[in-house]
PDB file of N, CA and C in Angstrom:
ATOM      1  N   MET A   1      11.058  16.621  53.683  1.00  0.00           N
ATOM      2  CA  MET A   1      12.109  17.307  52.557  1.00  0.00           C
ATOM      3  C   MET A   1      12.735  15.837  52.166  1.00  0.00           C
ATOM      4  N   ILE A   2      12.731  14.756  53.017  1.00  0.00           N
ATOM      5  CA  ILE A   2      13.274  13.699  52.012  1.00  0.00           C
ATOM      6  C   ILE A   2      12.677  12.810  51.492  1.00  0.00           C
ATOM      7  N   LYS A   3      10.549  13.323  51.960  1.00  0.00           N
ATOM      8  CA  LYS A   3      10.378  12.695  50.979  1.00  0.00           C
ATOM      9  C   LYS A   3      10.022  12.954  49.392  1.00  0.00           C
ATOM     10  N   ILE A   4      10.508  14.532  49.288  1.00  0.00           N
ATOM     11  CA  ILE A   4      10.136  15.248  47.707  1.00  0.00           C
ATOM     12  C   ILE A   4      11.309  14.685  47.163  1.00  0.00           C
ATOM     13  N   TYR A   5      12.515  14.717  48.056  1.00  0.00           N
ATOM     14  CA  TYR A   5      13.540  14.058  47.230  1.00  0.00           C
ATOM     15  C   TYR A   5      13.435  12.738  46.957  1.00  0.00           C
ATOM     16  N   VAL A   6      13.021  11.946  47.812  1.00  0.00           N
ATOM     17  CA  VAL A   6      12.387  10.513  46.874  1.00  0.00           C
ATOM     18  C   VAL A   6      11.156  10.703  46.180  1.00  0.00           C
ATOM     19  N   GLN A   7      10.336  11.574  46.279  1.00  0.00           N
ATOM     20  CA  GLN A   7       9.394  11.782  45.036  1.00  0.00           C
ATOM     21  C   GLN A   7      10.089  12.046  43.197  1.00  0.00           C
ATOM     22  N   ARG A   8      11.004  13.137  43.541  1.00  0.00           N
ATOM     23  CA  ARG A   8      11.934  13.400  42.707  1.00  0.00           C
ATOM     24  C   ARG A   8      12.924  12.745  41.903  1.00  0.00           C
ATOM     25  N   ASN A   9      13.245  11.457  42.984  1.00  0.00           N
ATOM     26  CA  ASN A   9      14.480  10.790  42.313  1.00  0.00           C
ATOM     27  C   ASN A   9      13.834   9.849  41.472  1.00  0.00           C
ATOM     28  N   ARG A  10      12.349   9.360  41.927  1.00  0.00           N
ATOM     29  CA  ARG A  10      11.654   8.486  41.301  1.00  0.00           C
ATOM     30  C   ARG A  10      10.892   9.208  39.586  1.00  0.00           C
ATOM     31  N   SER A  11      10.497  10.253  39.801  1.00  0.00           N
ATOM     32  CA  SER A  11      10.270  11.036  38.541  1.00  0.00           C
ATOM     33  C   SER A  11      11.623  10.892  37.606  1.00  0.00           C
ATOM     34  N   ILE A  12      12.596  10.864  37.867  1.00  0.00           N
ATOM     35  CA  ILE A  12      13.944  11.045  37.485  1.00  0.00           C
ATOM     36  C   ILE A  12      14.473   9.657  36.685  1.00  0.00           C
ATOM     37  N   GLN A  13      14.209   8.866  37.824  1.00  0.00           N
ATOM     38  CA  GLN A  13      14.038   7.252  36.950  1.00  0.00           C
ATOM     39  C   GLN A  13      13.343   6.823  36.063  1.00  0.00           C
ATOM     40  N   THR A  14      11.763   7.587  36.340  1.00  0.00           N
ATOM     41  CA  THR A  14      10.531   6.863  35.312  1.00  0.00           C
ATOM     42  C   THR A  14      10.963   7.962  33.826  1.00  0.00           C
ATOM     43  N   PHE A  15      11.765   8.682  34.298  1.00  0.00           N
ATOM     44  CA  PHE A  15      11.645   9.276  32.730  1.00  0.00           C
ATOM     45  C   PHE A  15      13.202   9.073  32.654  1.00  0.00           C
ATOM     46  N   GLU A  16      13.960   8.510  32.623  1.00  0.00           N
ATOM     47  CA  GLU A  16      15.274   8.059  32.230  1.00  0.00           C
ATOM     48  C   GLU A  16      14.612   6.153  31.798  1.00  0.00           C
ATOM     49  N   PHE A  17      13.884   5.682  32.532  1.00  0.00           N
ATOM     50  CA  PHE A  17      13.441   4.316  32.421  1.00  0.00           C
ATOM     51  C   PHE A  17      12.522   4.467  30.992  1.00  0.00           C
ATOM     52  N   LEU A  18      11.659   5.614  30.720  1.00  0.00           N
ATOM     53  CA  LEU A  18      10.886   5.268  29.590  1.00  0.00           C
ATOM     54  C   LEU A  18      11.915   6.079  28.351  1.00  0.00           C
ATOM     55  N   THR A  19      12.841   7.194  28.718  1.00  0.00           N
ATOM     56  CA  THR A  19      13.149   7.174  27.026  1.00  0.00           C
ATOM     57  C   THR A  19      14.322   6.346  27.014  1.00  0.00           C
ATOM     58  N   ALA A  20      14.861   5.293  27.463  1.00  0.00           N
ATOM     59  CA  ALA A  20      15.427   3.950  27.696  1.00  0.00           C
ATOM     60  C   ALA A  20      14.690   3.112  26.745  1.00  0.00           C
ATOM     61  N   LEU A  21      13.314   2.507  27.096  1.00  0.00           N
ATOM     62  CA  LEU A  21      12.902   2.177  26.386  1.00  0.00           C
ATOM     63  C   LEU A  21      12.557   2.472  25.428  1.00  0.00           C
ATOM     64  N   ILE A  22      12.118   3.713  24.903  1.00  0.00           N
ATOM     65  CA  ILE A  22      11.428   4.265  23.892  1.00  0.00           C
ATOM     66  C   ILE A  22      12.854   4.447  22.624  1.00  0.00           C
ATOM     67  N   ALA A  23      14.049   4.524  23.246  1.00  0.00           N
ATOM     68  CA  ALA A  23      15.881   4.323  22.325  1.00  0.00           C
ATOM     69  C   ALA A  23      15.870   2.802  22.053  1.00  0.00           C
ATOM     70  N   VAL A  24      15.413   2.120  23.155  1.00  0.00           N
ATOM     71  CA  VAL A  24      15.436   0.227  22.426  1.00  0.00           C
ATOM     72  C   VAL A  24      14.621   0.388  21.365  1.00  0.00           C
ATOM     73  N   ILE A  25      13.177   0.613  21.855  1.00  0.00           N
ATOM     74  CA  ILE A  25      12.037   0.096  20.042  1.00  0.00           C
ATOM     75  C   ILE A  25      12.543   0.872  19.148  1.00  0.00           C
ATOM     76  N   MET A  26      12.773   1.943  19.439  1.00  0.00           N
ATOM     77  CA  MET A  26      13.165   2.674  17.864  1.00  0.00           C
ATOM     78  C   MET A  26      14.702   2.013  16.990  1.00  0.00           C
ATOM     79  N   THR A  27      15.649   1.702  18.004  1.00  0.00           N
ATOM     80  CA  THR A  27      16.888   0.665  17.527  1.00  0.00           C
ATOM     81  C   THR A  27      16.195  -1.089  17.166  1.00  0.00           C
ATOM     82  N   ALA A  28      15.357  -1.208  17.404  1.00  0.00           N
ATOM     83  CA  ALA A  28      14.743  -2.611  17.241  1.00  0.00           C
ATOM     84  C   ALA A  28      14.029  -2.271  15.826  1.00  0.00           C
ATOM     85  N   ALA A  29      13.542  -0.912  15.888  1.00  0.00           N
ATOM     86  CA  ALA A  29      12.635  -1.368  14.079  1.00  0.00           C
ATOM     87  C   ALA A  29      13.532  -0.867  13.617  1.00  0.00           C
ATOM     88  N   LEU A  30      14.387   0.153  13.407  1.00  0.00           N
ATOM     89  CA  LEU A  30      15.284   0.925  12.768  1.00  0.00           C
ATOM     90  C   LEU A  30      16.698  -0.908  12.144  1.00  0.00           C
ATOM     91  N   ALA A  31      16.683  -1.492  12.849  1.00  0.00           N
ATOM     92  CA  ALA A  31      17.617  -2.751  12.698  1.00  0.00           C
ATOM     93  C   ALA A  31      16.593  -3.948  12.310  1.00  0.00           C
ATOM     94  N   PHE A  32      15.656  -4.475  12.421  1.00  0.00           N
ATOM     95  CA  PHE A  32      14.814  -5.651  11.849  1.00  0.00           C
ATOM     96  C   PHE A  32      13.991  -4.677  11.012  1.00  0.00           C
ATOM     97  N   GLY A  33      13.867  -3.453  10.509  1.00  0.00           N
ATOM     98  CA  GLY A  33      12.561  -3.355   9.691  1.00  0.00           C
ATOM     99  C   GLY A  33      12.739  -3.046   8.138  1.00  0.00           C
ATOM    100  N   HIS A  34      11.832  -3.513   7.376  1.00  0.00           N
ATOM    101  CA  HIS A  34      11.800  -3.881   5.744  1.00  0.00           C
ATOM    102  C   HIS A  34      11.642  -2.360   5.479  1.00  0.00           C
ATOM    103  N   GLY A  35      12.372  -1.546   5.673  1.00  0.00           N
ATOM    104  CA  GLY A  35      11.915  -0.141   4.816  1.00  0.00           C
ATOM    105  C   GLY A  35      12.490   0.148   3.523  1.00  0.00           C
ATOM    106  N   GLY A  36      12.083   1.653   2.995  1.00  0.00           N
ATOM    107  CA  GLY A  36      12.878   1.511   1.784  1.00  0.00           C
ATOM    108  C   GLY A  36      11.967   0.911   0.528  1.00  0.00           C
ATOM    109  N   LYS A  37      12.322   1.378  -0.559  1.00  0.00           N
ATOM    110  CA  LYS A  37      11.525   0.559  -1.994  1.00  0.00           C
ATOM    111  C   LYS A  37      11.662  -0.450  -1.850  1.00  0.00           C
ATOM    112  N   HIS A  38      11.909  -1.441  -1.174  1.00  0.00           N
ATOM    113  CA  HIS A  38      11.959  -2.685  -1.788  1.00  0.00           C
ATOM    114  C   HIS A  38      10.426  -3.561  -0.829  1.00  0.00           C
ATOM    115  N   ALA A  39       9.954  -2.323   0.199  1.00  0.00           N
ATOM    116  CA  ALA A  39       8.533  -2.864   0.889  1.00  0.00           C
ATOM    117  C   ALA A  39       7.847  -2.391   0.009  1.00  0.00           C
ATOM    118  N   ASP A  40       7.491  -1.467  -0.501  1.00  0.00           N
ATOM    119  CA  ASP A  40       6.329  -0.378  -1.612  1.00  0.00           C
ATOM    120  C   ASP A  40       6.763  -1.625  -2.622  1.00  0.00           C
ATOM    121  N   GLN A  41       7.235  -2.622  -3.456  1.00  0.00           N
ATOM    122  CA  GLN A  41       7.209  -2.962  -4.775  1.00  0.00           C
ATOM    123  C   GLN A  41       5.881  -4.154  -4.646  1.00  0.00           C
ATOM    124  N   PHE A  42       5.654  -4.540  -5.438  1.00  0.00           N
ATOM    125  CA  PHE A  42       4.011  -5.147  -5.729  1.00  0.00           C
ATOM    126  C   PHE A  42       4.876  -6.405  -5.935  1.00  0.00           C
ATOM    127  N   THR A  43       4.711  -7.613  -5.125  1.00  0.00           N
ATOM    128  CA  THR A  43       5.242  -8.739  -5.089  1.00  0.00           C
ATOM    129  C   THR A  43       5.014 -10.000  -6.160  1.00  0.00           C
ATOM    130  N   GLN A  44       5.492 -11.681  -6.409  1.00  0.00           N
ATOM    131  CA  GLN A  44       4.686 -12.252  -7.573  1.00  0.00           C
ATOM    132  C   GLN A  44       3.800 -12.608  -6.442  1.00  0.00           C
ATOM    133  N   LEU A  45       4.014 -12.825  -5.746  1.00  0.00           N
ATOM    134  CA  LEU A  45       2.799 -13.663  -4.445  1.00  0.00           C
ATOM    135  C   LEU A  45       1.399 -12.424  -4.798  1.00  0.00           C
ATOM    136  N   GLN A  46       1.680 -11.307  -4.432  1.00  0.00           N
ATOM    137  CA  GLN A  46       0.562 -10.096  -4.508  1.00  0.00           C
ATOM    138  C   GLN A  46       0.254 -10.616  -6.047  1.00  0.00           C
ATOM    139  N   ALA A  47       0.665 -10.850  -6.725  1.00  0.00           N
ATOM    140  CA  ALA A  47      -0.370 -10.457  -8.596  1.00  0.00           C
ATOM    141  C   ALA A  47      -0.844 -12.293  -8.744  1.00  0.00           C
ATOM    142  N   LEU A  48       0.095 -13.026  -7.756  1.00  0.00           N
ATOM    143  CA  LEU A  48      -0.597 -14.516  -8.093  1.00  0.00           C
ATOM    144  C   LEU A  48      -2.199 -14.470  -7.351  1.00  0.00           C
ATOM    145  N   GLN A  49      -2.525 -14.059  -6.177  1.00  0.00           N
ATOM    146  CA  GLN A  49      -3.697 -13.219  -5.301  1.00  0.00           C
ATOM    147  C   GLN A  49      -4.624 -12.552  -6.019  1.00  0.00           C
ATOM    148  N   LYS A  50      -3.769 -11.869  -6.941  1.00  0.00           N
ATOM    149  CA  LYS A  50      -4.688 -10.685  -7.324  1.00  0.00           C
ATOM    150  C   LYS A  50      -5.409 -11.571  -8.620  1.00  0.00           C
ATOM    151  N   ALA A  51      -4.449 -12.392  -9.699  1.00  0.00           N
ATOM    152  CA  ALA A  51      -4.677 -12.839 -10.728  1.00  0.00           C
ATOM    153  C   ALA A  51      -5.869 -14.040 -10.504  1.00  0.00           C
ATOM    154  N   THR A  52      -5.466 -14.903  -9.049  1.00  0.00           N
ATOM    155  CA  THR A  52      -6.771 -15.834  -8.743  1.00  0.00           C
ATOM    156  C   THR A  52      -8.120 -15.139  -8.862  1.00  0.00           C
ATOM    157  N   LYS A  53      -8.116 -14.234  -8.448  1.00  0.00           N
ATOM    158  CA  LYS A  53      -9.390 -13.260  -8.299  1.00  0.00           C
ATOM    159  C   LYS A  53     -10.206 -12.769  -9.609  1.00  0.00           C
ATOM    160  N   LEU A  54      -9.406 -12.526 -10.188  1.00  0.00           N
ATOM    161  CA  LEU A  54      -9.756 -12.318 -11.760  1.00  0.00           C
ATOM    162  C   LEU A  54      -9.946 -13.261 -12.675  1.00  0.00           C
ATOM    163  N   TYR A  55      -9.489 -14.302 -12.203  1.00  0.00           N
ATOM    164  CA  TYR A  55      -9.377 -15.923 -13.187  1.00  0.00           C
ATOM    165  C   TYR A  55     -10.753 -16.638 -12.790  1.00  0.00           C
ATOM    166  N   GLU A  56     -11.001 -16.116 -11.248  1.00  0.00           N
ATOM    167  CA  GLU A  56     -11.975 -16.570 -10.716  1.00  0.00           C
ATOM    168  C   GLU A  56     -13.473 -16.061 -11.257  1.00  0.00           C
ATOM    169  N   GLN A  57     -13.137 -14.696 -11.203  1.00  0.00           N
ATOM    170  CA  GLN A  57     -14.338 -13.820 -11.951  1.00  0.00           C
ATOM    171  C   GLN A  57     -14.474 -13.818 -12.884  1.00  0.00           C
ATOM    172  N   LEU A  58     -13.625 -14.357 -14.210  1.00  0.00           N
ATOM    173  CA  LEU A  58     -13.854 -14.136 -15.216  1.00  0.00           C
ATOM    174  C   LEU A  58     -14.647 -16.256 -15.578  1.00  0.00           C
ATOM    175  N   ILE A  59     -14.539 -17.298 -15.028  1.00  0.00           N
ATOM    176  CA  ILE A  59     -15.364 -17.789 -14.992  1.00  0.00           C
ATOM    177  C   ILE A  59     -16.297 -17.589 -14.630  1.00  0.00           C
ATOM    178  N   SER A  60     -16.620 -17.225 -13.311  1.00  0.00           N
ATOM    179  CA  SER A  60     -18.307 -17.363 -13.032  1.00  0.00           C
ATOM    180  C   SER A  60     -18.767 -16.342 -13.662  1.00  0.00           C
ATOM    181  N   LYS A  61     -18.322 -15.348 -14.408  1.00  0.00           N
ATOM    182  CA  LYS A  61     -19.312 -14.642 -15.136  1.00  0.00           C
ATOM    183  C   LYS A  61     -19.431 -15.108 -16.506  1.00  0.00           C
ATOM    184  N   GLY A  62     -18.669 -16.156 -16.780  1.00  0.00           N
ATOM    185  CA  GLY A  62     -18.938 -16.597 -18.278  1.00  0.00           C
ATOM    186  C   GLY A  62     -17.896 -16.568 -19.395  1.00  0.00           C
ATOM    187  N   LYS A  63     -16.921 -15.452 -18.796  1.00  0.00           N
ATOM    188  CA  LYS A  63     -15.933 -15.398 -20.142  1.00  0.00           C
ATOM    189  C   LYS A  63     -14.901 -16.510 -20.096  1.00  0.00           C
ATOM    190  N   LEU A  64     -14.790 -17.225 -19.116  1.00  0.00           N
ATOM    191  CA  LEU A  64     -14.071 -18.397 -19.288  1.00  0.00           C
ATOM    192  C   LEU A  64     -14.529 -19.475 -19.116  1.00  0.00           C
ATOM    193  N   ASP A  65     -14.857 -20.574 -19.844  1.00  0.00           N
ATOM    194  CA  ASP A  65     -15.397 -21.753 -19.988  1.00  0.00           C
ATOM    195  C   ASP A  65     -15.486 -22.745 -18.750  1.00  0.00           C
ATOM    196  N   GLN A  66     -16.318 -23.272 -17.701  1.00  0.00           N
ATOM    197  CA  GLN A  66     -16.059 -24.234 -16.784  1.00  0.00           C
ATOM    198  C   GLN A  66     -14.612 -25.248 -16.888  1.00  0.00           C
ATOM    199  N   SER A  67     -14.311 -25.497 -18.239  1.00  0.00           N
ATOM    200  CA  SER A  67     -13.206 -26.380 -18.245  1.00  0.00           C
ATOM    201  C   SER A  67     -11.340 -25.541 -17.558  1.00  0.00           C
ATOM    202  N   TRP A  68     -11.837 -23.886 -17.839  1.00  0.00           N
ATOM    203  CA  TRP A  68     -10.505 -23.399 -17.180  1.00  0.00           C
ATOM    204  C   TRP A  68     -10.941 -23.786 -15.889  1.00  0.00           C
ATOM    205  N   GLU A  69     -11.663 -24.171 -14.924  1.00  0.00           N
ATOM    206  CA  GLU A  69     -11.864 -24.466 -13.945  1.00  0.00           C
ATOM    207  C   GLU A  69     -11.398 -25.655 -13.616  1.00  0.00           C
ATOM    208  N   THR A  70     -11.917 -27.025 -13.903  1.00  0.00           N
ATOM    209  CA  THR A  70     -11.745 -28.723 -13.869  1.00  0.00           C
ATOM    210  C   THR A  70     -10.370 -28.796 -14.750  1.00  0.00           C
ATOM    211  N   GLY A  71      -9.720 -28.167 -15.576  1.00  0.00           N
ATOM    212  CA  GLY A  71      -8.541 -28.784 -16.273  1.00  0.00           C
ATOM    213  C   GLY A  71      -7.881 -28.154 -16.228  1.00  0.00           C
ATOM    214  N   LEU A  72      -7.788 -27.028 -14.851  1.00  0.00           N
ATOM    215  CA  LEU A  72      -6.472 -26.249 -14.835  1.00  0.00           C
ATOM    216  C   LEU A  72      -5.147 -27.035 -14.899  1.00  0.00           C
ATOM    217  N   ARG A  73      -3.929 -27.196 -15.281  1.00  0.00           N
ATOM    218  CA  ARG A  73      -3.222 -28.288 -15.326  1.00  0.00           C
ATOM    219  C   ARG A  73      -1.619 -27.333 -14.227  1.00  0.00           C
ATOM    220  N   LYS A  74      -1.556 -26.104 -14.786  1.00  0.00           N
ATOM    221  CA  LYS A  74      -0.321 -25.166 -13.832  1.00  0.00           C
ATOM    222  C   LYS A  74      -0.638 -23.922 -14.207  1.00  0.00           C
ATOM    223  N   VAL A  75      -0.021 -23.302 -13.016  1.00  0.00           N
ATOM    224  CA  VAL A  75       0.014 -21.677 -12.820  1.00  0.00           C
ATOM    225  C   VAL A  75       1.447 -21.136 -12.972  1.00  0.00           C
ATOM    226  N   ALA A  76       1.611 -20.045 -13.652  1.00  0.00           N
ATOM    227  CA  ALA A  76       2.913 -19.274 -13.505  1.00  0.00           C
ATOM    228  C   ALA A  76       2.933 -18.122 -13.022  1.00  0.00           C
ATOM    229  N   ILE A  77       4.086 -17.970 -12.771  1.00  0.00           N
ATOM    230  CA  ILE A  77       4.415 -16.057 -12.626  1.00  0.00           C
ATOM    231  C   ILE A  77       5.427 -15.870 -12.860  1.00  0.00           C
ATOM    232  N   SER A  78       5.637 -15.045 -14.018  1.00  0.00           N
ATOM    233  CA  SER A  78       7.229 -14.717 -14.683  1.00  0.00           C
ATOM    234  C   SER A  78       7.323 -12.982 -14.953  1.00  0.00           C
ATOM    235  N   LYS A  79       8.769 -12.504 -15.092  1.00  0.00           N
ATOM    236  CA  LYS A  79       8.818 -11.050 -14.878  1.00  0.00           C
ATOM    237  C   LYS A  79       9.120 -10.681 -16.303  1.00  0.00           C
ATOM    238  N   ARG A  80       8.664  -9.741 -17.287  1.00  0.00           N
ATOM    239  CA  ARG A  80       8.934  -9.234 -18.332  1.00  0.00           C
ATOM    240  C   ARG A  80       9.115  -7.845 -18.615  1.00  0.00           C
ATOM    241  N   LYS A  81       9.288  -7.303 -19.513  1.00  0.00           N
ATOM    242  CA  LYS A  81       9.329  -6.319 -19.971  1.00  0.00           C
ATOM    243  C   LYS A  81       8.441  -5.331 -21.187  1.00  0.00           C
ATOM    244  N   HIS A  82       7.681  -4.815 -21.233  1.00  0.00           N
ATOM    245  CA  HIS A  82       6.707  -4.554 -22.100  1.00  0.00           C
ATOM    246  C   HIS A  82       7.059  -2.705 -22.137  1.00  0.00           C
ATOM    247  N   GLU A  83       7.201  -3.070 -23.486  1.00  0.00           N
ATOM    248  CA  GLU A  83       7.393  -1.361 -23.925  1.00  0.00           C
ATOM    249  C   GLU A  83       8.114  -0.691 -22.886  1.00  0.00           C
ATOM    250  N   GLY A  84       9.352  -1.289 -22.220  1.00  0.00           N
ATOM    251  CA  GLY A  84      10.382  -0.246 -21.796  1.00  0.00           C
ATOM    252  C   GLY A  84       9.402  -0.402 -20.170  1.00  0.00           C
ATOM    253  N   LYS A  85       8.967  -0.990 -19.792  1.00  0.00           N
ATOM    254  CA  LYS A  85       8.195  -1.113 -18.386  1.00  0.00           C
ATOM    255  C   LYS A  85       8.319  -2.684 -18.025  1.00  0.00           C
ATOM    256  N   ASP A  86       8.927  -2.682 -16.221  1.00  0.00           N
ATOM    257  CA  ASP A  86       8.240  -3.590 -16.037  1.00  0.00           C
ATOM    258  C   ASP A  86       6.649  -4.172 -15.901  1.00  0.00           C
ATOM    259  N   GLU A  87       6.448  -5.817 -15.783  1.00  0.00           N
ATOM    260  CA  GLU A  87       5.367  -6.125 -15.815  1.00  0.00           C
ATOM    261  C   GLU A  87       5.585  -7.398 -15.228  1.00  0.00           C
ATOM    262  N   ILE A  88       4.511  -8.094 -13.891  1.00  0.00           N
ATOM    263  CA  ILE A  88       4.406  -9.263 -13.837  1.00  0.00           C
ATOM    264  C   ILE A  88       3.311 -10.314 -14.602  1.00  0.00           C
ATOM    265  N   VAL A  89       3.693 -11.297 -15.034  1.00  0.00           N
ATOM    266  CA  VAL A  89       2.878 -11.977 -15.923  1.00  0.00           C
ATOM    267  C   VAL A  89       1.986 -13.368 -15.518  1.00  0.00           C
ATOM    268  N   VAL A  90       0.971 -13.714 -14.836  1.00  0.00           N
ATOM    269  CA  VAL A  90       0.524 -14.507 -14.385  1.00  0.00           C
ATOM    270  C   VAL A  90      -0.071 -15.567 -15.288  1.00  0.00           C
ATOM    271  N   SER A  91       0.168 -16.722 -15.905  1.00  0.00           N
ATOM    272  CA  SER A  91      -0.531 -17.138 -16.866  1.00  0.00           C
ATOM    273  C   SER A  91      -1.030 -18.698 -15.937  1.00  0.00           C
ATOM    274  N   PHE A  92      -2.764 -18.888 -16.509  1.00  0.00           N
ATOM    275  CA  PHE A  92      -3.042 -20.356 -16.025  1.00  0.00           C
ATOM    276  C   PHE A  92      -3.261 -21.105 -17.033  1.00  0.00           C
ATOM    277  N   LEU A  93      -2.580 -22.361 -17.167  1.00  0.00           N
ATOM    278  CA  LEU A  93      -2.422 -23.245 -18.248  1.00  0.00           C
ATOM    279  C   LEU A  93      -3.217 -24.592 -17.771  1.00  0.00           C
ATOM    280  N   ARG A  94      -3.813 -24.666 -19.029  1.00  0.00           N
ATOM    281  CA  ARG A  94      -5.079 -25.852 -18.887  1.00  0.00           C
ATOM    282  C   ARG A  94      -4.606 -27.325 -20.152  1.00  0.00           C
ATOM    283  N   GLU A  95      -5.146 -28.223 -19.473  1.00  0.00           N
ATOM    284  CA  GLU A  95      -4.838 -29.632 -19.931  1.00  0.00           C
ATOM    285  C   GLU A  95      -5.559 -29.789 -21.020  1.00  0.00           C
ATOM    286  N   GLU A  96      -6.711 -29.580 -21.573  1.00  0.00           N
ATOM    287  CA  GLU A  96      -7.149 -29.398 -22.766  1.00  0.00           C
ATOM    288  C   GLU A  96      -8.329 -28.387 -23.138  1.00  0.00           C
ATOM    289  N   GLY A  97      -8.055 -28.338 -24.628  1.00  0.00           N
ATOM    290  CA  GLY A  97      -8.990 -26.939 -25.165  1.00  0.00           C
ATOM    291  C   GLY A  97      -7.955 -25.963 -25.413  1.00  0.00           C
ATOM    292  N   GLU A  98      -8.296 -25.114 -26.391  1.00  0.00           N
ATOM    293  CA  GLU A  98      -7.593 -24.186 -27.019  1.00  0.00           C
ATOM    294  C   GLU A  98      -8.653 -22.899 -27.037  1.00  0.00           C
ATOM    295  N   PRO A  99      -8.004 -21.735 -26.479  1.00  0.00           N
ATOM    296  CA  PRO A  99      -6.588 -21.767 -25.795  1.00  0.00           C
ATOM    297  C   PRO A  99      -6.074 -22.240 -25.240  1.00  0.00           C
ATOM    298  N   LYS A 100      -5.012 -22.944 -25.208  1.00  0.00           N
ATOM    299  CA  LYS A 100      -4.302 -23.411 -23.797  1.00  0.00           C
ATOM    300  C   LYS A 100      -4.268 -22.712 -22.612  1.00  0.00           C
ATOM    301  N   ALA A 101      -3.368 -21.182 -22.456  1.00  0.00           N
ATOM    302  CA  ALA A 101      -3.228 -20.623 -21.969  1.00  0.00           C
ATOM    303  C   ALA A 101      -3.979 -19.017 -21.779  1.00  0.00           C
ATOM    304  N   VAL A 102      -4.372 -18.642 -20.667  1.00  0.00           N
ATOM    305  CA  VAL A 102      -5.022 -17.330 -20.320  1.00  0.00           C
ATOM    306  C   VAL A 102      -3.605 -16.509 -19.829  1.00  0.00           C
ATOM    307  N   TYR A 103      -3.305 -15.419 -19.645  1.00  0.00           N
ATOM    308  CA  TYR A 103      -2.296 -14.456 -19.295  1.00  0.00           C
ATOM    309  C   TYR A 103      -2.694 -13.667 -18.617  1.00  0.00           C
ATOM    310  N   ILE A 104      -2.220 -13.126 -17.302  1.00  0.00           N
ATOM    311  CA  ILE A 104      -2.841 -11.726 -16.452  1.00  0.00           C
ATOM    312  C   ILE A 104      -1.805 -10.676 -16.260  1.00  0.00           C
ATOM    313  N   PHE A 105      -1.960  -9.776 -16.467  1.00  0.00           N
ATOM    314  CA  PHE A 105      -0.616  -8.812 -16.707  1.00  0.00           C
ATOM    315  C   PHE A 105      -0.742  -7.626 -15.679  1.00  0.00           C
ATOM    316  N   PHE A 106      -0.319  -7.396 -14.949  1.00  0.00           N
ATOM    317  CA  PHE A 106       0.228  -6.256 -13.873  1.00  0.00           C
ATOM    318  C   PHE A 106       1.475  -5.571 -13.744  1.00  0.00           C
ATOM    319  N   ASN A 107       1.109  -4.478 -13.885  1.00  0.00           N
ATOM    320  CA  ASN A 107       2.638  -3.260 -13.531  1.00  0.00           C
ATOM    321  C   ASN A 107       3.121  -3.414 -12.660  1.00  0.00           C
ATOM    322  N   SER A 108       4.380  -2.535 -12.537  1.00  0.00           N
ATOM    323  CA  SER A 108       5.466  -2.855 -11.187  1.00  0.00           C
ATOM    324  C   SER A 108       4.517  -2.185  -9.943  1.00  0.00           C
ATOM    325  N   ASP A 109       3.491  -0.970 -10.339  1.00  0.00           N
ATOM    326  CA  ASP A 109       2.895  -0.904  -9.091  1.00  0.00           C
ATOM    327  C   ASP A 109       1.841  -1.938  -8.600  1.00  0.00           C
ATOM    328  N   GLY A 110       1.419  -2.759  -9.251  1.00  0.00           N
ATOM    329  CA  GLY A 110       0.512  -4.001  -9.129  1.00  0.00           C
ATOM    330  C   GLY A 110      -0.946  -3.480  -9.536  1.00  0.00           C
ATOM    331  N   LYS A 111      -1.131  -2.812 -10.388  1.00  0.00           N
ATOM    332  CA  LYS A 111      -2.113  -2.396 -11.215  1.00  0.00           C
ATOM    333  C   LYS A 111      -2.474  -3.510 -12.794  1.00  0.00           C
ATOM    334  N   TYR A 112      -3.257  -3.496 -12.372  1.00  0.00           N
ATOM    335  CA  TYR A 112      -3.440  -4.934 -13.513  1.00  0.00           C
ATOM    336  C   TYR A 112      -3.488  -3.899 -15.248  1.00  0.00           C
ATOM    337  N   SER A 113      -3.111  -4.425 -15.995  1.00  0.00           N
ATOM    338  CA  SER A 113      -2.806  -4.222 -16.828  1.00  0.00           C
ATOM    339  C   SER A 113      -3.325  -4.792 -18.239  1.00  0.00           C
ATOM    340  N   GLY A 114      -4.049  -6.195 -18.242  1.00  0.00           N
ATOM    341  CA  GLY A 114      -4.406  -6.412 -19.426  1.00  0.00           C
ATOM    342  C   GLY A 114      -4.335  -8.030 -19.234  1.00  0.00           C
ATOM    343  N   SER A 115      -5.093  -8.747 -20.475  1.00  0.00           N
ATOM    344  CA  SER A 115      -5.451 -10.149 -20.430  1.00  0.00           C
ATOM    345  C   SER A 115      -5.304 -10.456 -21.447  1.00  0.00           C
ATOM    346  N   ASN A 116      -4.964 -11.717 -22.099  1.00  0.00           N
ATOM    347  CA  ASN A 116      -5.228 -12.233 -23.334  1.00  0.00           C
ATOM    348  C   ASN A 116      -4.665 -13.657 -23.135  1.00  0.00           C
ATOM    349  N   PHE A 117      -5.015 -14.144 -24.493  1.00  0.00           N
ATOM    350  CA  PHE A 117      -4.228 -15.623 -24.538  1.00  0.00           C
ATOM    351  C   PHE A 117      -3.051 -15.922 -25.064  1.00  0.00           C
ATOM    352  N   THR A 118      -2.372 -14.715 -25.440  1.00  0.00           N
ATOM    353  CA  THR A 118      -1.145 -15.202 -26.493  1.00  0.00           C
ATOM    354  C   THR A 118      -0.118 -15.011 -25.486  1.00  0.00           C
ATOM    355  N   GLY A 119       0.003 -14.074 -24.519  1.00  0.00           N
ATOM    356  CA  GLY A 119       0.987 -13.624 -23.912  1.00  0.00           C
ATOM    357  C   GLY A 119       2.005 -12.943 -24.329  1.00  0.00           C
ATOM    358  N   LYS A 120       1.404 -12.259 -24.832  1.00  0.00           N
ATOM    359  CA  LYS A 120       1.859 -10.893 -25.816  1.00  0.00           C
ATOM    360  C   LYS A 120       1.336  -9.454 -25.909  1.00  0.00           C
TER     361      LYS A 120
END
């Protein structure tokens, strides 16, 4: 009879321990998580990463000449409104040559929405 009581007591303790552990994990996730819309937004860092890949592809395919790779002076990231919608613009500016810059545009969801040499 004592054996059954000890086993049952351990089962209850194990259940209580696991319940407490799950509660702690869930509380920590809620307290320290970055949920909500903020976590789903396309960031400027993500735009830079995607634009850099596209930029390298344009050079490797010959759509931009080698001076865009060797003479790159600056990369800039900005936000703008275009036709009422938010866009992130990544600009690659070179030292010499015309045009001076190539602009790559992404919508707020991170989808490529165009590129050009004017920034418009």
